[in-house]
Amino acid sequence: MQNAVNIHVNGEPRTWRSGASVAELLRELDIKIERVAVELNLEILDRAVFDQRLLQDGDRVEIMSFIGGGSS
């Protein structure tokens, strides 16, 4: 992969495209942006900045999905 960065996604090492945003990462992983929370290097990101936050070498990304349900 040309111009790549090494990141961790949910604890797993990955080589990813340099200059990609958090939103692009989620889209390429087929994850719906509106159904997750993202922590980047221990900072919980507002969805409004997913397109502006670019991934850098060494970043640690934690993606947490929301699961619906409740008690009866």
N, C-alpha and C. Protein backbone atom coordinates (compact mmCIF):
# COMPACT_ATOMS: atom_id res chain seq x y z
N MET A 1 0.86 -1.18 0.00
CA MET A 1 0.00 0.00 0.00
C MET A 1 0.90 1.24 0.00
N GLN A 2 0.75 2.07 -1.01
CA GLN A 2 1.57 3.26 -1.13
C GLN A 2 1.05 4.35 -0.19
N ASN A 3 1.97 5.12 0.41
CA ASN A 3 1.58 6.17 1.34
C ASN A 3 0.66 5.64 2.43
N ALA A 4 1.13 4.66 3.15
CA ALA A 4 0.32 4.00 4.16
C ALA A 4 0.75 4.43 5.56
N VAL A 5 -0.18 4.26 6.50
CA VAL A 5 0.10 4.48 7.91
C VAL A 5 -0.26 3.20 8.65
N ASN A 6 0.38 2.98 9.77
CA ASN A 6 0.07 1.85 10.62
C ASN A 6 -0.78 2.34 11.77
N ILE A 7 -1.98 1.77 11.90
CA ILE A 7 -2.92 2.15 12.96
C ILE A 7 -3.39 0.88 13.67
N HIS A 8 -4.09 1.07 14.76
CA HIS A 8 -4.76 -0.03 15.45
C HIS A 8 -6.25 0.27 15.45
N VAL A 9 -7.05 -0.71 15.05
CA VAL A 9 -8.50 -0.57 15.06
C VAL A 9 -9.05 -1.65 15.98
N ASN A 10 -9.65 -1.22 17.08
CA ASN A 10 -10.16 -2.13 18.10
C ASN A 10 -9.08 -3.14 18.51
N GLY A 11 -7.87 -2.62 18.69
CA GLY A 11 -6.76 -3.43 19.18
C GLY A 11 -6.02 -4.23 18.12
N GLU A 12 -6.51 -4.23 16.90
CA GLU A 12 -5.88 -5.01 15.83
C GLU A 12 -5.03 -4.08 14.95
N PRO A 13 -3.77 -4.45 14.71
CA PRO A 13 -2.94 -3.62 13.83
C PRO A 13 -3.43 -3.69 12.38
N ARG A 14 -3.40 -2.55 11.72
CA ARG A 14 -3.80 -2.46 10.30
C ARG A 14 -2.88 -1.47 9.60
N THR A 15 -2.69 -1.73 8.34
CA THR A 15 -2.03 -0.75 7.48
C THR A 15 -3.15 -0.08 6.70
N TRP A 16 -3.16 1.25 6.72
CA TRP A 16 -4.26 1.98 6.10
C TRP A 16 -3.72 3.08 5.21
N ARG A 17 -4.57 3.58 4.36
CA ARG A 17 -4.20 4.64 3.41
C ARG A 17 -3.91 5.94 4.15
N SER A 18 -2.76 6.50 3.88
CA SER A 18 -2.38 7.79 4.46
C SER A 18 -3.34 8.87 3.98
N GLY A 19 -3.74 9.76 4.88
CA GLY A 19 -4.62 10.86 4.51
C GLY A 19 -6.10 10.53 4.59
N ALA A 20 -6.42 9.29 4.96
CA ALA A 20 -7.83 8.90 5.08
C ALA A 20 -8.41 9.49 6.36
N SER A 21 -9.67 9.86 6.30
CA SER A 21 -10.35 10.39 7.48
C SER A 21 -10.99 9.24 8.26
N VAL A 22 -11.41 9.55 9.47
CA VAL A 22 -12.13 8.57 10.28
C VAL A 22 -13.40 8.13 9.55
N ALA A 23 -14.11 9.07 8.91
CA ALA A 23 -15.32 8.73 8.17
C ALA A 23 -15.02 7.76 7.03
N GLU A 24 -13.91 7.98 6.33
CA GLU A 24 -13.54 7.09 5.23
C GLU A 24 -13.21 5.69 5.76
N LEU A 25 -12.53 5.63 6.88
CA LEU A 25 -12.23 4.34 7.50
C LEU A 25 -13.53 3.59 7.79
N LEU A 26 -14.48 4.27 8.41
CA LEU A 26 -15.75 3.63 8.73
C LEU A 26 -16.49 3.17 7.48
N ARG A 27 -16.51 4.01 6.45
CA ARG A 27 -17.19 3.62 5.20
C ARG A 27 -16.51 2.41 4.57
N GLU A 28 -15.18 2.41 4.53
CA GLU A 28 -14.46 1.31 3.91
C GLU A 28 -14.60 0.02 4.71
N LEU A 29 -14.85 0.13 6.01
CA LEU A 29 -15.10 -1.05 6.85
C LEU A 29 -16.58 -1.42 6.84
N ASP A 30 -17.38 -0.69 6.07
CA ASP A 30 -18.83 -0.91 5.95
C ASP A 30 -19.54 -0.77 7.30
N ILE A 31 -19.17 0.30 8.02
CA ILE A 31 -19.76 0.60 9.33
C ILE A 31 -20.58 1.87 9.19
N LYS A 32 -21.83 1.82 9.59
CA LYS A 32 -22.71 2.99 9.50
C LYS A 32 -22.32 4.02 10.56
N ILE A 33 -21.98 5.20 10.11
CA ILE A 33 -21.48 6.27 10.97
C ILE A 33 -22.47 6.62 12.07
N GLU A 34 -23.76 6.62 11.75
CA GLU A 34 -24.76 7.05 12.72
C GLU A 34 -25.01 6.02 13.81
N ARG A 35 -24.42 4.84 13.72
CA ARG A 35 -24.67 3.79 14.70
C ARG A 35 -23.46 3.46 15.57
N VAL A 36 -22.43 4.33 15.53
CA VAL A 36 -21.23 4.04 16.31
C VAL A 36 -20.72 5.28 17.05
N ALA A 37 -19.91 5.00 18.05
CA ALA A 37 -19.11 6.03 18.70
C ALA A 37 -17.66 5.67 18.38
N VAL A 38 -16.83 6.69 18.19
CA VAL A 38 -15.43 6.45 17.85
C VAL A 38 -14.54 7.17 18.84
N GLU A 39 -13.57 6.43 19.34
CA GLU A 39 -12.55 6.98 20.21
C GLU A 39 -11.24 6.95 19.42
N LEU A 40 -10.58 8.09 19.32
CA LEU A 40 -9.31 8.19 18.62
C LEU A 40 -8.26 8.65 19.61
N ASN A 41 -7.32 7.78 19.89
CA ASN A 41 -6.25 8.09 20.85
C ASN A 41 -6.81 8.59 22.18
N LEU A 42 -7.78 7.86 22.70
CA LEU A 42 -8.42 8.11 23.99
C LEU A 42 -9.34 9.32 24.01
N GLU A 43 -9.63 9.91 22.85
CA GLU A 43 -10.56 11.05 22.75
C GLU A 43 -11.81 10.60 22.00
N ILE A 44 -12.97 10.75 22.64
CA ILE A 44 -14.22 10.41 21.97
C ILE A 44 -14.54 11.53 20.98
N LEU A 45 -14.73 11.14 19.73
CA LEU A 45 -14.97 12.13 18.68
C LEU A 45 -16.45 12.42 18.49
N ASP A 46 -16.74 13.66 18.21
CA ASP A 46 -18.08 14.07 17.79
C ASP A 46 -18.24 13.63 16.33
N ARG A 47 -19.39 13.09 15.98
CA ARG A 47 -19.62 12.66 14.60
C ARG A 47 -19.36 13.78 13.60
N ALA A 48 -19.59 15.01 14.00
CA ALA A 48 -19.42 16.15 13.10
C ALA A 48 -17.98 16.30 12.61
N VAL A 49 -17.01 15.70 13.31
CA VAL A 49 -15.61 15.86 12.90
C VAL A 49 -15.04 14.60 12.24
N PHE A 50 -15.85 13.57 12.06
CA PHE A 50 -15.34 12.34 11.44
C PHE A 50 -14.69 12.60 10.09
N ASP A 51 -15.27 13.50 9.29
CA ASP A 51 -14.71 13.80 7.96
C ASP A 51 -13.42 14.62 8.03
N GLN A 52 -13.25 15.39 9.10
CA GLN A 52 -12.06 16.25 9.20
C GLN A 52 -10.87 15.59 9.88
N ARG A 53 -11.12 14.59 10.71
CA ARG A 53 -10.03 13.95 11.46
C ARG A 53 -9.32 12.94 10.58
N LEU A 54 -8.08 13.24 10.23
CA LEU A 54 -7.30 12.37 9.37
C LEU A 54 -6.49 11.40 10.23
N LEU A 55 -6.40 10.17 9.75
CA LEU A 55 -5.65 9.15 10.47
C LEU A 55 -4.16 9.35 10.26
N GLN A 56 -3.41 9.17 11.33
CA GLN A 56 -1.96 9.34 11.29
C GLN A 56 -1.29 8.08 11.80
N ASP A 57 -0.04 7.91 11.42
CA ASP A 57 0.72 6.74 11.84
C ASP A 57 0.69 6.61 13.36
N GLY A 58 0.38 5.41 13.83
CA GLY A 58 0.35 5.15 15.27
C GLY A 58 -0.98 5.40 15.95
N ASP A 59 -1.98 5.92 15.20
CA ASP A 59 -3.29 6.19 15.81
C ASP A 59 -3.93 4.90 16.32
N ARG A 60 -4.68 5.06 17.40
CA ARG A 60 -5.46 3.95 17.97
C ARG A 60 -6.92 4.34 17.90
N VAL A 61 -7.67 3.55 17.15
CA VAL A 61 -9.08 3.81 16.91
C VAL A 61 -9.89 2.71 17.58
N GLU A 62 -10.84 3.11 18.39
CA GLU A 62 -11.78 2.16 18.99
C GLU A 62 -13.17 2.51 18.46
N ILE A 63 -13.83 1.53 17.88
CA ILE A 63 -15.16 1.73 17.30
C ILE A 63 -16.15 0.93 18.14
N MET A 64 -17.12 1.64 18.70
CA MET A 64 -18.12 1.00 19.55
C MET A 64 -19.48 1.16 18.89
N SER A 65 -20.15 0.04 18.65
CA SER A 65 -21.47 0.12 18.02
C SER A 65 -22.56 0.05 19.07
N PHE A 66 -23.66 0.70 18.75
CA PHE A 66 -24.81 0.73 19.65
C PHE A 66 -25.70 -0.46 19.35
N ILE A 67 -26.16 -1.11 20.40
CA ILE A 67 -27.06 -2.24 20.25
C ILE A 67 -28.38 -1.87 20.90
N GLY A 68 -29.45 -1.95 20.12
CA GLY A 68 -30.77 -1.61 20.64
C GLY A 68 -31.33 -2.73 21.51
N GLY A 69 -32.32 -2.39 22.22
CA GLY A 69 -32.96 -3.38 23.07
C GLY A 69 -33.42 -2.75 24.36
N GLY A 70 -33.94 -3.55 25.20
CA GLY A 70 -34.38 -3.03 26.48
C GLY A 70 -35.01 -4.15 27.30
N SER A 71 -35.46 -3.79 28.44
CA SER A 71 -36.07 -4.81 29.28
C SER A 71 -37.58 -4.76 29.13
N SER A 72 -38.20 -5.87 29.39
CA SER A 72 -39.66 -5.92 29.27
C SER A 72 -40.32 -5.84 30.62
